[in-house]
């Protein structure tokens, strides 16, 4: 497959994070970015986030019990696990 070079300007902290994450995965930064784009375009990331949200919603009572039912004062909506 032919390769095309892209240029993008990002904050230095984002660039460093991309370098470190790519290295953690044993990928070049270009391959890491390609994987992120492919995952995003395929809907993989959205499905993973939806699955995590469903899991937390289904099992929130277990997390609440493990935390002793404590909720920070004034907190509303989704609770942290």
N, C-alpha and C. Protein backbone atom coordinates (compact mmCIF):
# COMPACT_ATOMS: atom_id res chain seq x y z
N UNK A 1 0.85 -1.17 0.00
CA UNK A 1 0.00 0.00 0.00
C UNK A 1 0.90 1.23 0.00
N UNK A 2 0.57 2.19 -0.83
CA UNK A 2 1.34 3.43 -0.91
C UNK A 2 1.15 4.23 0.37
N UNK A 3 2.19 4.93 0.76
CA UNK A 3 2.13 5.75 1.96
C UNK A 3 2.12 7.22 1.57
N UNK A 4 1.43 8.03 2.33
CA UNK A 4 1.37 9.46 2.15
C UNK A 4 1.81 10.12 3.44
N UNK A 5 2.63 11.12 3.33
CA UNK A 5 3.08 11.83 4.52
C UNK A 5 2.12 12.96 4.84
N UNK A 6 1.74 13.04 6.10
CA UNK A 6 0.86 14.11 6.58
C UNK A 6 1.66 15.00 7.51
N UNK A 7 1.29 16.24 7.57
CA UNK A 7 1.90 17.16 8.54
C UNK A 7 0.82 17.69 9.45
N UNK A 8 1.08 17.68 10.72
CA UNK A 8 0.12 18.20 11.68
C UNK A 8 0.87 18.88 12.80
N UNK A 9 0.32 19.95 13.28
CA UNK A 9 0.91 20.66 14.42
C UNK A 9 0.08 20.34 15.66
N UNK A 10 0.76 19.86 16.67
CA UNK A 10 0.12 19.56 17.95
C UNK A 10 0.99 20.13 19.06
N UNK A 11 0.38 20.31 20.22
CA UNK A 11 1.15 20.77 21.38
C UNK A 11 2.25 19.75 21.68
N UNK A 12 3.37 20.24 22.22
CA UNK A 12 4.50 19.36 22.52
C UNK A 12 4.11 18.25 23.47
N UNK A 13 3.25 18.53 24.46
CA UNK A 13 2.86 17.47 25.39
C UNK A 13 2.05 16.38 24.70
N UNK A 14 1.24 16.74 23.71
CA UNK A 14 0.49 15.75 22.94
C UNK A 14 1.45 14.92 22.09
N UNK A 15 2.42 15.59 21.47
CA UNK A 15 3.41 14.88 20.65
C UNK A 15 4.20 13.88 21.50
N UNK A 16 4.61 14.31 22.67
CA UNK A 16 5.37 13.42 23.55
C UNK A 16 4.52 12.25 24.01
N UNK A 17 3.27 12.50 24.33
CA UNK A 17 2.37 11.43 24.73
C UNK A 17 2.19 10.42 23.60
N UNK A 18 2.06 10.91 22.37
CA UNK A 18 1.93 10.01 21.21
C UNK A 18 3.20 9.18 21.04
N UNK A 19 4.36 9.81 21.21
CA UNK A 19 5.63 9.07 21.09
C UNK A 19 5.72 7.97 22.14
N UNK A 20 5.38 8.32 23.39
CA UNK A 20 5.48 7.33 24.47
C UNK A 20 4.49 6.19 24.29
N UNK A 21 3.26 6.53 23.92
CA UNK A 21 2.23 5.49 23.75
C UNK A 21 2.59 4.57 22.60
N UNK A 22 3.07 5.15 21.50
CA UNK A 22 3.50 4.33 20.36
C UNK A 22 4.61 3.39 20.78
N UNK A 23 5.59 3.91 21.51
CA UNK A 23 6.70 3.08 21.98
C UNK A 23 6.19 1.96 22.89
N UNK A 24 5.25 2.28 23.78
CA UNK A 24 4.67 1.26 24.67
C UNK A 24 4.05 0.11 23.88
N UNK A 25 3.48 0.44 22.72
CA UNK A 25 2.81 -0.57 21.90
C UNK A 25 3.74 -1.19 20.86
N UNK A 26 5.00 -0.73 20.83
CA UNK A 26 5.95 -1.26 19.86
C UNK A 26 5.66 -0.79 18.45
N UNK A 27 5.09 0.40 18.31
CA UNK A 27 4.72 0.94 17.00
C UNK A 27 5.48 2.23 16.73
N UNK A 28 5.61 2.56 15.47
CA UNK A 28 6.09 3.90 15.12
C UNK A 28 4.94 4.87 15.39
N UNK A 29 5.25 6.15 15.50
CA UNK A 29 4.20 7.14 15.72
C UNK A 29 3.22 7.11 14.54
N UNK A 30 3.72 6.98 13.32
CA UNK A 30 2.85 6.92 12.16
C UNK A 30 1.90 5.74 12.21
N UNK A 31 2.42 4.56 12.58
CA UNK A 31 1.56 3.38 12.68
C UNK A 31 0.55 3.52 13.83
N UNK A 32 0.99 4.14 14.91
CA UNK A 32 0.08 4.37 16.04
C UNK A 32 -1.06 5.30 15.62
N UNK A 33 -0.74 6.39 14.95
CA UNK A 33 -1.78 7.32 14.49
C UNK A 33 -2.70 6.65 13.47
N UNK A 34 -2.14 5.83 12.59
CA UNK A 34 -2.97 5.12 11.62
C UNK A 34 -3.95 4.20 12.34
N UNK A 35 -3.48 3.52 13.38
CA UNK A 35 -4.36 2.63 14.15
C UNK A 35 -5.48 3.42 14.82
N UNK A 36 -5.14 4.57 15.40
CA UNK A 36 -6.17 5.40 16.04
C UNK A 36 -7.23 5.84 15.05
N UNK A 37 -6.80 6.28 13.87
CA UNK A 37 -7.74 6.74 12.86
C UNK A 37 -8.61 5.58 12.37
N UNK A 38 -8.01 4.42 12.13
CA UNK A 38 -8.78 3.26 11.67
C UNK A 38 -9.79 2.83 12.71
N UNK A 39 -9.38 2.80 13.98
CA UNK A 39 -10.30 2.43 15.06
C UNK A 39 -11.45 3.42 15.15
N UNK A 40 -11.14 4.69 15.01
CA UNK A 40 -12.18 5.72 15.08
C UNK A 40 -13.13 5.60 13.90
N UNK A 41 -12.58 5.46 12.71
CA UNK A 41 -13.42 5.40 11.50
C UNK A 41 -14.27 4.14 11.47
N UNK A 42 -13.79 3.05 12.04
CA UNK A 42 -14.54 1.80 12.03
C UNK A 42 -15.63 1.77 13.10
N UNK A 43 -15.59 2.73 14.01
CA UNK A 43 -16.56 2.75 15.10
C UNK A 43 -16.12 1.94 16.30
N UNK A 44 -14.92 1.37 16.26
CA UNK A 44 -14.44 0.53 17.35
C UNK A 44 -14.39 1.30 18.66
N UNK A 45 -13.86 2.50 18.63
CA UNK A 45 -13.76 3.29 19.86
C UNK A 45 -15.14 3.59 20.43
N UNK A 46 -16.07 3.98 19.59
CA UNK A 46 -17.43 4.29 20.07
C UNK A 46 -18.07 3.07 20.68
N UNK A 47 -17.89 1.91 20.07
CA UNK A 47 -18.48 0.68 20.62
C UNK A 47 -17.85 0.33 21.96
N UNK A 48 -16.55 0.56 22.10
CA UNK A 48 -15.87 0.26 23.36
C UNK A 48 -16.38 1.18 24.47
N UNK A 49 -16.54 2.46 24.17
CA UNK A 49 -17.04 3.40 25.17
C UNK A 49 -18.48 3.04 25.55
N UNK A 50 -19.30 2.70 24.57
CA UNK A 50 -20.68 2.29 24.86
C UNK A 50 -20.71 1.04 25.73
N UNK A 51 -19.85 0.07 25.43
CA UNK A 51 -19.80 -1.16 26.22
C UNK A 51 -19.39 -0.87 27.65
N UNK A 52 -18.42 0.01 27.84
CA UNK A 52 -17.98 0.37 29.19
C UNK A 52 -19.11 1.07 29.95
N UNK A 53 -19.82 1.95 29.29
CA UNK A 53 -20.94 2.65 29.94
C UNK A 53 -22.04 1.67 30.34
N UNK A 54 -22.35 0.71 29.46
CA UNK A 54 -23.37 -0.30 29.80
C UNK A 54 -22.92 -1.14 30.98
N UNK A 55 -21.65 -1.54 30.98
CA UNK A 55 -21.11 -2.34 32.08
C UNK A 55 -21.26 -1.60 33.40
N UNK A 56 -20.86 -0.33 33.42
CA UNK A 56 -20.96 0.44 34.65
C UNK A 56 -22.42 0.62 35.09
N UNK A 57 -23.29 0.86 34.14
CA UNK A 57 -24.71 1.02 34.47
C UNK A 57 -25.29 -0.26 35.06
N UNK A 58 -24.91 -1.39 34.49
CA UNK A 58 -25.44 -2.67 34.96
C UNK A 58 -24.89 -3.08 36.31
N UNK A 59 -23.68 -2.65 36.63
CA UNK A 59 -23.01 -3.12 37.84
C UNK A 59 -22.74 -2.01 38.86
N UNK A 60 -23.41 -0.88 38.71
CA UNK A 60 -23.17 0.25 39.60
C UNK A 60 -23.41 -0.12 41.06
N UNK A 61 -24.40 -0.95 41.33
CA UNK A 61 -24.71 -1.33 42.71
C UNK A 61 -23.52 -2.04 43.37
N UNK A 62 -22.82 -2.84 42.60
CA UNK A 62 -21.65 -3.55 43.15
C UNK A 62 -20.56 -2.55 43.51
N UNK A 63 -20.33 -1.57 42.64
CA UNK A 63 -19.33 -0.54 42.93
C UNK A 63 -19.73 0.29 44.14
N UNK A 64 -21.03 0.61 44.21
CA UNK A 64 -21.51 1.38 45.36
C UNK A 64 -21.30 0.61 46.65
N UNK A 65 -21.59 -0.68 46.62
CA UNK A 65 -21.41 -1.51 47.82
C UNK A 65 -19.94 -1.58 48.20
N UNK A 66 -19.07 -1.74 47.22
CA UNK A 66 -17.64 -1.81 47.50
C UNK A 66 -17.12 -0.50 48.08
N UNK A 67 -17.73 0.60 47.71
CA UNK A 67 -17.33 1.91 48.22
C UNK A 67 -18.09 2.26 49.50
N UNK A 68 -18.89 1.35 49.98
CA UNK A 68 -19.65 1.59 51.20
C UNK A 68 -20.82 2.53 50.99
N UNK A 69 -21.25 2.64 49.72
CA UNK A 69 -22.39 3.49 49.42
C UNK A 69 -22.08 4.97 49.54
N UNK A 70 -20.80 5.31 49.67
CA UNK A 70 -20.41 6.71 49.83
C UNK A 70 -20.50 7.43 48.49
N UNK A 71 -21.11 8.59 48.53
CA UNK A 71 -21.13 9.48 47.37
C UNK A 71 -20.72 10.85 47.85
N UNK A 72 -19.85 11.51 47.10
CA UNK A 72 -19.44 12.85 47.52
C UNK A 72 -20.64 13.76 47.64
N UNK A 73 -20.61 14.61 48.63
CA UNK A 73 -21.70 15.53 48.87
C UNK A 73 -21.92 16.42 47.65
N UNK A 74 -23.17 16.53 47.25
CA UNK A 74 -23.51 17.38 46.11
C UNK A 74 -23.32 16.72 44.76
N UNK A 75 -22.90 15.46 44.73
CA UNK A 75 -22.72 14.78 43.44
C UNK A 75 -24.05 14.32 42.91
N UNK A 76 -24.19 14.40 41.58
CA UNK A 76 -25.41 13.97 40.93
C UNK A 76 -25.02 13.24 39.65
N UNK A 77 -25.98 12.57 39.04
CA UNK A 77 -25.74 11.93 37.76
C UNK A 77 -24.92 10.67 37.88
N UNK A 78 -24.13 10.40 36.86
CA UNK A 78 -23.34 9.18 36.81
C UNK A 78 -22.33 9.17 37.93
N UNK A 79 -22.23 8.03 38.57
CA UNK A 79 -21.28 7.89 39.66
C UNK A 79 -20.02 7.22 39.15
N UNK A 80 -18.92 7.53 39.76
CA UNK A 80 -17.65 6.91 39.40
C UNK A 80 -17.58 5.52 39.96
N UNK A 81 -16.86 4.68 39.26
CA UNK A 81 -16.68 3.31 39.73
C UNK A 81 -15.49 3.24 40.64
